[in-house]
Amino acid sequence: MADRDEEREERIEMEIVVDAYTQDEQAVGWITYLEETMDFPFEAQCIEEREVSPLKEGETVSVLGMPSIEPSLRQQFVTIEWNDRELGVPLKQLEPLEASDDTEQAVADWHYWLNR
């Protein structure tokens, strides 16, 4: 497990999953936070290959937004432009390259949450 980041823990507890008692409510808190905090579009790089995604490690993509699929506590998807198509890939496999500070923070918060 990664070192505990108190500032990040407080933001997660007080802003993202506040008043969320079930996993479904926490998932909705996350999707709301990510949608409201990330500034689309932004450039990102694939940092790990996943079975559910065609991206290769090191590949750079443009992240366009969030797809309208059921949120989950283990997986949040973003919509990317890839080979002249739009498709959803796990946010876990992306790291922002050219993005706002808010976007970088939101993605880092999500990665931190998954690694807890």
PDB file of N, CA and C in Angstrom:
ATOM      1  N   MET A   1       0.836  -1.190   0.000  1.00  0.00           N
ATOM      2  CA  MET A   1       0.000   0.000   0.000  1.00  0.00           C
ATOM      3  C   MET A   1       0.879   1.252   0.000  1.00  0.00           C
ATOM      4  N   ALA A   2       0.398   2.257  -0.692  1.00  0.00           N
ATOM      5  CA  ALA A   2       1.133   3.519  -0.760  1.00  0.00           C
ATOM      6  C   ALA A   2       1.078   4.210   0.604  1.00  0.00           C
ATOM      7  N   ASP A   3       2.019   5.124   0.830  1.00  0.00           N
ATOM      8  CA  ASP A   3       2.004   5.889   2.066  1.00  0.00           C
ATOM      9  C   ASP A   3       0.691   6.666   2.164  1.00  0.00           C
ATOM     10  N   ARG A   4       0.214   6.824   3.374  1.00  0.00           N
ATOM     11  CA  ARG A   4      -1.036   7.545   3.607  1.00  0.00           C
ATOM     12  C   ARG A   4      -0.811   9.037   3.358  1.00  0.00           C
ATOM     13  N   ASP A   5      -1.664   9.623   2.550  1.00  0.00           N
ATOM     14  CA  ASP A   5      -1.605  11.040   2.213  1.00  0.00           C
ATOM     15  C   ASP A   5      -2.785  11.707   2.924  1.00  0.00           C
ATOM     16  N   GLU A   6      -2.497  12.373   4.040  1.00  0.00           N
ATOM     17  CA  GLU A   6      -3.565  12.923   4.886  1.00  0.00           C
ATOM     18  C   GLU A   6      -4.433  13.945   4.142  1.00  0.00           C
ATOM     19  N   GLU A   7      -3.814  14.821   3.359  1.00  0.00           N
ATOM     20  CA  GLU A   7      -4.574  15.836   2.625  1.00  0.00           C
ATOM     21  C   GLU A   7      -5.533  15.162   1.641  1.00  0.00           C
ATOM     22  N   ARG A   8      -5.034  14.155   0.930  1.00  0.00           N
ATOM     23  CA  ARG A   8      -5.851  13.423  -0.043  1.00  0.00           C
ATOM     24  C   ARG A   8      -6.961  12.642   0.677  1.00  0.00           C
ATOM     25  N   GLU A   9      -6.609  12.013   1.805  1.00  0.00           N
ATOM     26  CA  GLU A   9      -7.606  11.260   2.593  1.00  0.00           C
ATOM     27  C   GLU A   9      -8.748  12.175   3.017  1.00  0.00           C
ATOM     28  N   GLU A  10      -8.407  13.367   3.492  1.00  0.00           N
ATOM     29  CA  GLU A  10      -9.432  14.307   3.941  1.00  0.00           C
ATOM     30  C   GLU A  10     -10.318  14.737   2.779  1.00  0.00           C
ATOM     31  N   ARG A  11      -9.717  15.028   1.622  1.00  0.00           N
ATOM     32  CA  ARG A  11     -10.508  15.430   0.453  1.00  0.00           C
ATOM     33  C   ARG A  11     -11.465  14.297   0.052  1.00  0.00           C
ATOM     34  N   ILE A  12     -10.964  13.071   0.048  1.00  0.00           N
ATOM     35  CA  ILE A  12     -11.809  11.931  -0.317  1.00  0.00           C
ATOM     36  C   ILE A  12     -12.959  11.784   0.674  1.00  0.00           C
ATOM     37  N   GLU A  13     -12.647  11.845   1.963  1.00  0.00           N
ATOM     38  CA  GLU A  13     -13.680  11.642   2.988  1.00  0.00           C
ATOM     39  C   GLU A  13     -14.672  12.802   3.068  1.00  0.00           C
ATOM     40  N   MET A  14     -14.181  14.044   2.909  1.00  0.00           N
ATOM     41  CA  MET A  14     -15.028  15.214   3.136  1.00  0.00           C
ATOM     42  C   MET A  14     -15.704  15.756   1.864  1.00  0.00           C
ATOM     43  N   GLU A  15     -15.158  15.426   0.695  1.00  0.00           N
ATOM     44  CA  GLU A  15     -15.729  15.958  -0.541  1.00  0.00           C
ATOM     45  C   GLU A  15     -16.306  14.885  -1.444  1.00  0.00           C
ATOM     46  N   ILE A  16     -15.638  13.741  -1.525  1.00  0.00           N
ATOM     47  CA  ILE A  16     -15.991  12.772  -2.560  1.00  0.00           C
ATOM     48  C   ILE A  16     -16.983  11.730  -2.048  1.00  0.00           C
ATOM     49  N   VAL A  17     -16.673  11.096  -0.927  1.00  0.00           N
ATOM     50  CA  VAL A  17     -17.567  10.049  -0.418  1.00  0.00           C
ATOM     51  C   VAL A  17     -18.325  10.492   0.837  1.00  0.00           C
ATOM     52  N   VAL A  18     -18.383  11.806   1.075  1.00  0.00           N
ATOM     53  CA  VAL A  18     -19.121  12.341   2.221  1.00  0.00           C
ATOM     54  C   VAL A  18     -20.595  11.940   2.105  1.00  0.00           C
ATOM     55  N   ASP A  19     -21.191  11.531   3.202  1.00  0.00           N
ATOM     56  CA  ASP A  19     -22.601  11.113   3.234  1.00  0.00           C
ATOM     57  C   ASP A  19     -22.903   9.905   2.351  1.00  0.00           C
ATOM     58  N   ALA A  20     -21.893   9.168   1.937  1.00  0.00           N
ATOM     59  CA  ALA A  20     -22.113   7.966   1.128  1.00  0.00           C
ATOM     60  C   ALA A  20     -21.938   6.754   2.036  1.00  0.00           C
ATOM     61  N   TYR A  21     -23.016   6.008   2.191  1.00  0.00           N
ATOM     62  CA  TYR A  21     -22.978   4.884   3.134  1.00  0.00           C
ATOM     63  C   TYR A  21     -22.800   3.542   2.441  1.00  0.00           C
ATOM     64  N   THR A  22     -23.271   3.426   1.204  1.00  0.00           N
ATOM     65  CA  THR A  22     -23.122   2.163   0.484  1.00  0.00           C
ATOM     66  C   THR A  22     -22.042   2.318  -0.589  1.00  0.00           C
ATOM     67  N   GLN A  23     -21.600   1.195  -1.134  1.00  0.00           N
ATOM     68  CA  GLN A  23     -20.612   1.265  -2.216  1.00  0.00           C
ATOM     69  C   GLN A  23     -21.189   1.966  -3.440  1.00  0.00           C
ATOM     70  N   ASP A  24     -22.485   1.748  -3.708  1.00  0.00           N
ATOM     71  CA  ASP A  24     -23.103   2.429  -4.853  1.00  0.00           C
ATOM     72  C   ASP A  24     -23.083   3.944  -4.663  1.00  0.00           C
ATOM     73  N   GLU A  25     -23.374   4.397  -3.432  1.00  0.00           N
ATOM     74  CA  GLU A  25     -23.343   5.832  -3.159  1.00  0.00           C
ATOM     75  C   GLU A  25     -21.920   6.384  -3.280  1.00  0.00           C
ATOM     76  N   GLN A  26     -20.934   5.618  -2.823  1.00  0.00           N
ATOM     77  CA  GLN A  26     -19.538   6.057  -2.971  1.00  0.00           C
ATOM     78  C   GLN A  26     -19.165   6.141  -4.446  1.00  0.00           C
ATOM     79  N   ALA A  27     -19.604   5.181  -5.253  1.00  0.00           N
ATOM     80  CA  ALA A  27     -19.305   5.190  -6.688  1.00  0.00           C
ATOM     81  C   ALA A  27     -19.899   6.425  -7.353  1.00  0.00           C
ATOM     82  N   VAL A  28     -21.123   6.780  -6.968  1.00  0.00           N
ATOM     83  CA  VAL A  28     -21.766   7.987  -7.516  1.00  0.00           C
ATOM     84  C   VAL A  28     -20.984   9.230  -7.075  1.00  0.00           C
ATOM     85  N   GLY A  29     -20.512   9.242  -5.824  1.00  0.00           N
ATOM     86  CA  GLY A  29     -19.694  10.358  -5.353  1.00  0.00           C
ATOM     87  C   GLY A  29     -18.441  10.525  -6.193  1.00  0.00           C
ATOM     88  N   TRP A  30     -17.810   9.407  -6.513  1.00  0.00           N
ATOM     89  CA  TRP A  30     -16.603   9.455  -7.337  1.00  0.00           C
ATOM     90  C   TRP A  30     -16.898   9.965  -8.746  1.00  0.00           C
ATOM     91  N   ILE A  31     -17.943   9.428  -9.379  1.00  0.00           N
ATOM     92  CA  ILE A  31     -18.230   9.836 -10.759  1.00  0.00           C
ATOM     93  C   ILE A  31     -18.561  11.325 -10.797  1.00  0.00           C
ATOM     94  N   THR A  32     -19.298  11.808  -9.791  1.00  0.00           N
ATOM     95  CA  THR A  32     -19.654  13.225  -9.724  1.00  0.00           C
ATOM     96  C   THR A  32     -18.398  14.074  -9.559  1.00  0.00           C
ATOM     97  N   TYR A  33     -17.529  13.667  -8.628  1.00  0.00           N
ATOM     98  CA  TYR A  33     -16.278  14.403  -8.397  1.00  0.00           C
ATOM     99  C   TYR A  33     -15.423  14.449  -9.663  1.00  0.00           C
ATOM    100  N   LEU A  34     -15.246  13.301 -10.299  1.00  0.00           N
ATOM    101  CA  LEU A  34     -14.400  13.253 -11.496  1.00  0.00           C
ATOM    102  C   LEU A  34     -14.984  14.107 -12.624  1.00  0.00           C
ATOM    103  N   GLU A  35     -16.297  13.985 -12.841  1.00  0.00           N
ATOM    104  CA  GLU A  35     -16.926  14.773 -13.910  1.00  0.00           C
ATOM    105  C   GLU A  35     -16.809  16.274 -13.649  1.00  0.00           C
ATOM    106  N   GLU A  36     -16.977  16.671 -12.379  1.00  0.00           N
ATOM    107  CA  GLU A  36     -16.960  18.100 -12.054  1.00  0.00           C
ATOM    108  C   GLU A  36     -15.547  18.666 -11.937  1.00  0.00           C
ATOM    109  N   THR A  37     -14.554  17.830 -11.676  1.00  0.00           N
ATOM    110  CA  THR A  37     -13.202  18.316 -11.402  1.00  0.00           C
ATOM    111  C   THR A  37     -12.293  18.265 -12.629  1.00  0.00           C
ATOM    112  N   MET A  38     -12.445  17.226 -13.448  1.00  0.00           N
ATOM    113  CA  MET A  38     -11.564  17.111 -14.611  1.00  0.00           C
ATOM    114  C   MET A  38     -11.997  18.079 -15.701  1.00  0.00           C
ATOM    115  N   ASP A  39     -11.020  18.710 -16.339  1.00  0.00           N
ATOM    116  CA  ASP A  39     -11.269  19.638 -17.440  1.00  0.00           C
ATOM    117  C   ASP A  39     -10.993  18.909 -18.753  1.00  0.00           C
ATOM    118  N   PHE A  40     -12.047  18.668 -19.525  1.00  0.00           N
ATOM    119  CA  PHE A  40     -11.918  17.948 -20.805  1.00  0.00           C
ATOM    120  C   PHE A  40     -11.850  18.940 -21.945  1.00  0.00           C
ATOM    121  N   PRO A  41     -11.168  18.607 -23.046  1.00  0.00           N
ATOM    122  CA  PRO A  41     -10.324  17.422 -23.208  1.00  0.00           C
ATOM    123  C   PRO A  41      -8.951  17.640 -22.587  1.00  0.00           C
ATOM    124  N   PHE A  42      -8.248  16.537 -22.352  1.00  0.00           N
ATOM    125  CA  PHE A  42      -6.855  16.620 -21.916  1.00  0.00           C
ATOM    126  C   PHE A  42      -6.082  15.442 -22.483  1.00  0.00           C
ATOM    127  N   GLU A  43      -4.770  15.642 -22.575  1.00  0.00           N
ATOM    128  CA  GLU A  43      -3.899  14.586 -23.089  1.00  0.00           C
ATOM    129  C   GLU A  43      -3.463  13.682 -21.945  1.00  0.00           C
ATOM    130  N   ALA A  44      -3.424  12.384 -22.214  1.00  0.00           N
ATOM    131  CA  ALA A  44      -3.002  11.430 -21.192  1.00  0.00           C
ATOM    132  C   ALA A  44      -2.190  10.329 -21.844  1.00  0.00           C
ATOM    133  N   GLN A  45      -1.413   9.661 -21.013  1.00  0.00           N
ATOM    134  CA  GLN A  45      -0.574   8.561 -21.481  1.00  0.00           C
ATOM    135  C   GLN A  45      -1.004   7.283 -20.776  1.00  0.00           C
ATOM    136  N   CYS A  46      -1.007   6.194 -21.520  1.00  0.00           N
ATOM    137  CA  CYS A  46      -1.312   4.888 -20.943  1.00  0.00           C
ATOM    138  C   CYS A  46      -0.126   4.450 -20.084  1.00  0.00           C
ATOM    139  N   ILE A  47      -0.399   4.132 -18.806  1.00  0.00           N
ATOM    140  CA  ILE A  47       0.681   3.739 -17.896  1.00  0.00           C
ATOM    141  C   ILE A  47       0.669   2.247 -17.597  1.00  0.00           C
ATOM    142  N   GLU A  48      -0.378   1.543 -18.019  1.00  0.00           N
ATOM    143  CA  GLU A  48      -0.403   0.088 -17.862  1.00  0.00           C
ATOM    144  C   GLU A  48      -1.422  -0.493 -18.822  1.00  0.00           C
ATOM    145  N   GLU A  49      -1.108  -1.650 -19.376  1.00  0.00           N
ATOM    146  CA  GLU A  49      -2.035  -2.301 -20.290  1.00  0.00           C
ATOM    147  C   GLU A  49      -3.083  -3.066 -19.490  1.00  0.00           C
ATOM    148  N   ARG A  50      -4.306  -3.089 -20.011  1.00  0.00           N
ATOM    149  CA  ARG A  50      -5.433  -3.761 -19.351  1.00  0.00           C
ATOM    150  C   ARG A  50      -6.167  -4.624 -20.370  1.00  0.00           C
ATOM    151  N   GLU A  51      -6.708  -5.745 -19.914  1.00  0.00           N
ATOM    152  CA  GLU A  51      -7.453  -6.633 -20.809  1.00  0.00           C
ATOM    153  C   GLU A  51      -8.653  -5.953 -21.446  1.00  0.00           C
ATOM    154  N   VAL A  52      -9.283  -5.025 -20.722  1.00  0.00           N
ATOM    155  CA  VAL A  52     -10.514  -4.394 -21.211  1.00  0.00           C
ATOM    156  C   VAL A  52     -10.253  -3.180 -22.100  1.00  0.00           C
ATOM    157  N   SER A  53      -9.003  -2.953 -22.466  1.00  0.00           N
ATOM    158  CA  SER A  53      -8.659  -1.766 -23.238  1.00  0.00           C
ATOM    159  C   SER A  53      -7.631  -2.105 -24.315  1.00  0.00           C
ATOM    160  N   PRO A  54      -7.756  -1.473 -25.493  1.00  0.00           N
ATOM    161  CA  PRO A  54      -6.784  -1.729 -26.566  1.00  0.00           C
ATOM    162  C   PRO A  54      -5.486  -0.927 -26.430  1.00  0.00           C
ATOM    163  N   LEU A  55      -5.393  -0.036 -25.447  1.00  0.00           N
ATOM    164  CA  LEU A  55      -4.223   0.837 -25.339  1.00  0.00           C
ATOM    165  C   LEU A  55      -2.977   0.069 -24.928  1.00  0.00           C
ATOM    166  N   LYS A  56      -1.863   0.502 -25.497  1.00  0.00           N
ATOM    167  CA  LYS A  56      -0.563  -0.060 -25.129  1.00  0.00           C
ATOM    168  C   LYS A  56       0.158   0.929 -24.220  1.00  0.00           C
ATOM    169  N   GLU A  57       0.990   0.417 -23.331  1.00  0.00           N
ATOM    170  CA  GLU A  57       1.759   1.270 -22.427  1.00  0.00           C
ATOM    171  C   GLU A  57       2.560   2.283 -23.233  1.00  0.00           C
ATOM    172  N   GLY A  58       2.506   3.546 -22.801  1.00  0.00           N
ATOM    173  CA  GLY A  58       3.243   4.611 -23.481  1.00  0.00           C
ATOM    174  C   GLY A  58       2.424   5.339 -24.541  1.00  0.00           C
ATOM    175  N   GLU A  59       1.305   4.770 -24.957  1.00  0.00           N
ATOM    176  CA  GLU A  59       0.455   5.391 -25.972  1.00  0.00           C
ATOM    177  C   GLU A  59      -0.193   6.660 -25.406  1.00  0.00           C
ATOM    178  N   THR A  60      -0.257   7.709 -26.231  1.00  0.00           N
ATOM    179  CA  THR A  60      -0.857   8.978 -25.819  1.00  0.00           C
ATOM    180  C   THR A  60      -2.223   9.119 -26.474  1.00  0.00           C
ATOM    181  N   VAL A  61      -3.201   9.574 -25.669  1.00  0.00           N
ATOM    182  CA  VAL A  61      -4.574   9.720 -26.168  1.00  0.00           C
ATOM    183  C   VAL A  61      -5.151  11.051 -25.690  1.00  0.00           C
ATOM    184  N   SER A  62      -6.224  11.457 -26.353  1.00  0.00           N
ATOM    185  CA  SER A  62      -6.977  12.633 -25.924  1.00  0.00           C
ATOM    186  C   SER A  62      -8.206  12.141 -25.163  1.00  0.00           C
ATOM    187  N   VAL A  63      -8.348  12.593 -23.907  1.00  0.00           N
ATOM    188  CA  VAL A  63      -9.487  12.208 -23.077  1.00  0.00           C
ATOM    189  C   VAL A  63     -10.580  13.255 -23.282  1.00  0.00           C
ATOM    190  N   LEU A  64     -11.750  12.791 -23.732  1.00  0.00           N
ATOM    191  CA  LEU A  64     -12.823  13.691 -24.141  1.00  0.00           C
ATOM    192  C   LEU A  64     -13.890  13.913 -23.080  1.00  0.00           C
ATOM    193  N   GLY A  65     -14.083  12.934 -22.182  1.00  0.00           N
ATOM    194  CA  GLY A  65     -15.139  13.069 -21.184  1.00  0.00           C
ATOM    195  C   GLY A  65     -15.372  11.756 -20.470  1.00  0.00           C
ATOM    196  N   MET A  66     -16.551  11.666 -19.840  1.00  0.00           N
ATOM    197  CA  MET A  66     -16.935  10.468 -19.095  1.00  0.00           C
ATOM    198  C   MET A  66     -18.089   9.800 -19.839  1.00  0.00           C
ATOM    199  N   PRO A  67     -18.036   8.482 -20.058  1.00  0.00           N
ATOM    200  CA  PRO A  67     -19.154   7.808 -20.711  1.00  0.00           C
ATOM    201  C   PRO A  67     -20.324   7.651 -19.739  1.00  0.00           C
ATOM    202  N   SER A  68     -21.495   7.407 -20.269  1.00  0.00           N
ATOM    203  CA  SER A  68     -22.677   7.239 -19.417  1.00  0.00           C
ATOM    204  C   SER A  68     -22.892   5.756 -19.118  1.00  0.00           C
ATOM    205  N   ILE A  69     -22.006   5.216 -18.277  1.00  0.00           N
ATOM    206  CA  ILE A  69     -22.157   3.825 -17.851  1.00  0.00           C
ATOM    207  C   ILE A  69     -22.241   3.802 -16.336  1.00  0.00           C
ATOM    208  N   GLU A  70     -22.713   2.693 -15.797  1.00  0.00           N
ATOM    209  CA  GLU A  70     -22.863   2.561 -14.356  1.00  0.00           C
ATOM    210  C   GLU A  70     -21.520   2.769 -13.659  1.00  0.00           C
ATOM    211  N   PRO A  71     -21.458   3.687 -12.699  1.00  0.00           N
ATOM    212  CA  PRO A  71     -20.208   3.886 -11.964  1.00  0.00           C
ATOM    213  C   PRO A  71     -19.939   2.701 -11.043  1.00  0.00           C
ATOM    214  N   SER A  72     -18.674   2.463 -10.795  1.00  0.00           N
ATOM    215  CA  SER A  72     -18.254   1.374  -9.922  1.00  0.00           C
ATOM    216  C   SER A  72     -17.133   1.888  -9.023  1.00  0.00           C
ATOM    217  N   LEU A  73     -17.008   1.295  -7.848  1.00  0.00           N
ATOM    218  CA  LEU A  73     -15.938   1.706  -6.939  1.00  0.00           C
ATOM    219  C   LEU A  73     -14.592   1.163  -7.354  1.00  0.00           C
ATOM    220  N   ARG A  74     -14.563   0.176  -8.219  1.00  0.00           N
ATOM    221  CA  ARG A  74     -13.301  -0.415  -8.639  1.00  0.00           C
ATOM    222  C   ARG A  74     -12.850   0.104  -9.998  1.00  0.00           C
ATOM    223  N   GLN A  75     -13.783   0.676 -10.761  1.00  0.00           N
ATOM    224  CA  GLN A  75     -13.433   1.067 -12.115  1.00  0.00           C
ATOM    225  C   GLN A  75     -14.247   2.272 -12.557  1.00  0.00           C
ATOM    226  N   GLN A  76     -13.574   3.320 -12.954  1.00  0.00           N
ATOM    227  CA  GLN A  76     -14.221   4.470 -13.587  1.00  0.00           C
ATOM    228  C   GLN A  76     -13.649   4.551 -14.998  1.00  0.00           C
ATOM    229  N   PHE A  77     -14.512   4.822 -15.942  1.00  0.00           N
ATOM    230  CA  PHE A  77     -14.087   4.916 -17.335  1.00  0.00           C
ATOM    231  C   PHE A  77     -14.088   6.360 -17.800  1.00  0.00           C
ATOM    232  N   VAL A  78     -13.235   6.642 -18.777  1.00  0.00           N
ATOM    233  CA  VAL A  78     -13.249   7.916 -19.481  1.00  0.00           C
ATOM    234  C   VAL A  78     -13.372   7.615 -20.968  1.00  0.00           C
ATOM    235  N   THR A  79     -13.906   8.583 -21.712  1.00  0.00           N
ATOM    236  CA  THR A  79     -14.038   8.442 -23.154  1.00  0.00           C
ATOM    237  C   THR A  79     -12.804   9.060 -23.803  1.00  0.00           C
ATOM    238  N   ILE A  80     -12.171   8.287 -24.668  1.00  0.00           N
ATOM    239  CA  ILE A  80     -10.986   8.781 -25.370  1.00  0.00           C
ATOM    240  C   ILE A  80     -11.231   8.756 -26.871  1.00  0.00           C
ATOM    241  N   GLU A  81     -10.408   9.517 -27.576  1.00  0.00           N
ATOM    242  CA  GLU A  81     -10.381   9.435 -29.036  1.00  0.00           C
ATOM    243  C   GLU A  81      -9.254   8.477 -29.378  1.00  0.00           C
ATOM    244  N   TRP A  82      -9.586   7.442 -30.160  1.00  0.00           N
ATOM    245  CA  TRP A  82      -8.598   6.400 -30.476  1.00  0.00           C
ATOM    246  C   TRP A  82      -8.885   5.869 -31.867  1.00  0.00           C
ATOM    247  N   ASN A  83      -7.906   5.968 -32.762  1.00  0.00           N
ATOM    248  CA  ASN A  83      -8.063   5.479 -34.145  1.00  0.00           C
ATOM    249  C   ASN A  83      -9.345   5.999 -34.792  1.00  0.00           C
ATOM    250  N   ASP A  84      -9.562   7.311 -34.709  1.00  0.00           N
ATOM    251  CA  ASP A  84     -10.741   7.962 -35.301  1.00  0.00           C
ATOM    252  C   ASP A  84     -12.065   7.479 -34.723  1.00  0.00           C
ATOM    253  N   ARG A  85     -12.021   6.894 -33.523  1.00  0.00           N
ATOM    254  CA  ARG A  85     -13.249   6.453 -32.849  1.00  0.00           C
ATOM    255  C   ARG A  85     -13.220   6.975 -31.429  1.00  0.00           C
ATOM    256  N   GLU A  86     -14.374   6.935 -30.788  1.00  0.00           N
ATOM    257  CA  GLU A  86     -14.440   7.247 -29.367  1.00  0.00           C
ATOM    258  C   GLU A  86     -14.747   5.956 -28.629  1.00  0.00           C
ATOM    259  N   LEU A  87     -13.995   5.695 -27.547  1.00  0.00           N
ATOM    260  CA  LEU A  87     -14.293   4.525 -26.746  1.00  0.00           C
ATOM    261  C   LEU A  87     -13.930   4.764 -25.301  1.00  0.00           C
ATOM    262  N   GLY A  88     -14.533   3.963 -24.425  1.00  0.00           N
ATOM    263  CA  GLY A  88     -14.287   4.087 -22.996  1.00  0.00           C
ATOM    264  C   GLY A  88     -13.149   3.186 -22.559  1.00  0.00           C
ATOM    265  N   VAL A  89     -12.260   3.732 -21.746  1.00  0.00           N
ATOM    266  CA  VAL A  89     -11.158   2.956 -21.168  1.00  0.00           C
ATOM    267  C   VAL A  89     -11.085   3.273 -19.677  1.00  0.00           C
ATOM    268  N   PRO A  90     -10.498   2.366 -18.883  1.00  0.00           N
ATOM    269  CA  PRO A  90     -10.387   2.631 -17.445  1.00  0.00           C
ATOM    270  C   PRO A  90      -9.482   3.834 -17.160  1.00  0.00           C
ATOM    271  N   LEU A  91      -9.956   4.733 -16.308  1.00  0.00           N
ATOM    272  CA  LEU A  91      -9.140   5.882 -15.901  1.00  0.00           C
ATOM    273  C   LEU A  91      -7.868   5.414 -15.204  1.00  0.00           C
ATOM    274  N   LYS A  92      -7.922   4.238 -14.578  1.00  0.00           N
ATOM    275  CA  LYS A  92      -6.772   3.682 -13.857  1.00  0.00           C
ATOM    276  C   LYS A  92      -5.547   3.547 -14.753  1.00  0.00           C
ATOM    277  N   GLN A  93      -5.759   3.326 -16.042  1.00  0.00           N
ATOM    278  CA  GLN A  93      -4.606   3.079 -16.911  1.00  0.00           C
ATOM    279  C   GLN A  93      -4.034   4.343 -17.537  1.00  0.00           C
ATOM    280  N   LEU A  94      -4.578   5.497 -17.167  1.00  0.00           N
ATOM    281  CA  LEU A  94      -4.123   6.747 -17.765  1.00  0.00           C
ATOM    282  C   LEU A  94      -3.499   7.678 -16.738  1.00  0.00           C
ATOM    283  N   GLU A  95      -2.525   8.442 -17.224  1.00  0.00           N
ATOM    284  CA  GLU A  95      -1.898   9.488 -16.418  1.00  0.00           C
ATOM    285  C   GLU A  95      -1.912  10.759 -17.260  1.00  0.00           C
ATOM    286  N   PRO A  96      -2.431  11.861 -16.724  1.00  0.00           N
ATOM    287  CA  PRO A  96      -2.485  13.106 -17.505  1.00  0.00           C
ATOM    288  C   PRO A  96      -1.093  13.592 -17.906  1.00  0.00           C
ATOM    289  N   LEU A  97      -0.976  14.081 -19.128  1.00  0.00           N
ATOM    290  CA  LEU A  97       0.273  14.687 -19.608  1.00  0.00           C
ATOM    291  C   LEU A  97       0.104  16.191 -19.668  1.00  0.00           C
ATOM    292  N   GLU A  98      -0.851  16.623 -20.484  1.00  0.00           N
ATOM    293  CA  GLU A  98      -1.147  18.053 -20.598  1.00  0.00           C
ATOM    294  C   GLU A  98      -2.552  18.230 -20.072  1.00  0.00           C
ATOM    295  N   ALA A  99      -2.653  18.655 -18.815  1.00  0.00           N
ATOM    296  CA  ALA A  99      -3.965  18.785 -18.177  1.00  0.00           C
ATOM    297  C   ALA A  99      -3.891  19.861 -17.101  1.00  0.00           C
ATOM    298  N   SER A 100      -5.059  20.328 -16.694  1.00  0.00           N
ATOM    299  CA  SER A 100      -5.121  21.327 -15.626  1.00  0.00           C
ATOM    300  C   SER A 100      -4.699  20.694 -14.302  1.00  0.00           C
ATOM    301  N   ASP A 101      -4.347  21.548 -13.342  1.00  0.00           N
ATOM    302  CA  ASP A 101      -3.990  21.058 -12.005  1.00  0.00           C
ATOM    303  C   ASP A 101      -5.154  20.283 -11.387  1.00  0.00           C
ATOM    304  N   ASP A 102      -6.396  20.773 -11.591  1.00  0.00           N
ATOM    305  CA  ASP A 102      -7.568  20.080 -11.053  1.00  0.00           C
ATOM    306  C   ASP A 102      -7.686  18.677 -11.637  1.00  0.00           C
ATOM    307  N   THR A 103      -7.455  18.571 -12.940  1.00  0.00           N
ATOM    308  CA  THR A 103      -7.542  17.264 -13.605  1.00  0.00           C
ATOM    309  C   THR A 103      -6.472  16.325 -13.055  1.00  0.00           C
ATOM    310  N   GLU A 104      -5.249  16.825 -12.935  1.00  0.00           N
ATOM    311  CA  GLU A 104      -4.163  15.995 -12.407  1.00  0.00           C
ATOM    312  C   GLU A 104      -4.484  15.532 -10.985  1.00  0.00           C
ATOM    313  N   GLN A 105      -5.050  16.431 -10.171  1.00  0.00           N
ATOM    314  CA  GLN A 105      -5.407  16.077  -8.805  1.00  0.00           C
ATOM    315  C   GLN A 105      -6.500  15.012  -8.787  1.00  0.00           C
ATOM    316  N   ALA A 106      -7.527  15.174  -9.618  1.00  0.00           N
ATOM    317  CA  ALA A 106      -8.637  14.223  -9.644  1.00  0.00           C
ATOM    318  C   ALA A 106      -8.156  12.829 -10.046  1.00  0.00           C
ATOM    319  N   VAL A 107      -7.327  12.750 -11.068  1.00  0.00           N
ATOM    320  CA  VAL A 107      -6.812  11.447 -11.513  1.00  0.00           C
ATOM    321  C   VAL A 107      -5.924  10.841 -10.424  1.00  0.00           C
ATOM    322  N   ALA A 108      -5.077  11.653  -9.810  1.00  0.00           N
ATOM    323  CA  ALA A 108      -4.209  11.162  -8.730  1.00  0.00           C
ATOM    324  C   ALA A 108      -5.045  10.683  -7.542  1.00  0.00           C
ATOM    325  N   ASP A 109      -6.136  11.393  -7.230  1.00  0.00           N
ATOM    326  CA  ASP A 109      -7.029  10.962  -6.144  1.00  0.00           C
ATOM    327  C   ASP A 109      -7.613   9.588  -6.458  1.00  0.00           C
ATOM    328  N   TRP A 110      -8.053   9.394  -7.689  1.00  0.00           N
ATOM    329  CA  TRP A 110      -8.643   8.112  -8.088  1.00  0.00           C
ATOM    330  C   TRP A 110      -7.606   6.986  -8.001  1.00  0.00           C
ATOM    331  N   HIS A 111      -6.409   7.237  -8.520  1.00  0.00           N
ATOM    332  CA  HIS A 111      -5.344   6.225  -8.450  1.00  0.00           C
ATOM    333  C   HIS A 111      -5.037   5.893  -6.985  1.00  0.00           C
ATOM    334  N   TYR A 112      -4.970   6.916  -6.146  1.00  0.00           N
ATOM    335  CA  TYR A 112      -4.690   6.723  -4.710  1.00  0.00           C
ATOM    336  C   TYR A 112      -5.773   5.851  -4.063  1.00  0.00           C
ATOM    337  N   TRP A 113      -7.036   6.186  -4.353  1.00  0.00           N
ATOM    338  CA  TRP A 113      -8.168   5.431  -3.807  1.00  0.00           C
ATOM    339  C   TRP A 113      -8.077   3.952  -4.186  1.00  0.00           C
ATOM    340  N   LEU A 114      -7.758   3.681  -5.448  1.00  0.00           N
ATOM    341  CA  LEU A 114      -7.682   2.288  -5.918  1.00  0.00           C
ATOM    342  C   LEU A 114      -6.531   1.527  -5.267  1.00  0.00           C
ATOM    343  N   ASN A 115      -5.472   2.246  -4.901  1.00  0.00           N
ATOM    344  CA  ASN A 115      -4.282   1.587  -4.320  1.00  0.00           C
ATOM    345  C   ASN A 115      -4.345   1.462  -2.810  1.00  0.00           C
ATOM    346  N   ARG A 116      -5.409   1.974  -2.166  1.00  0.00           N
ATOM    347  CA  ARG A 116      -5.531   1.919  -0.719  1.00  0.00           C
ATOM    348  C   ARG A 116      -5.689   0.485  -0.228  1.00  0.00           C
TER     349      ARG A 116
END
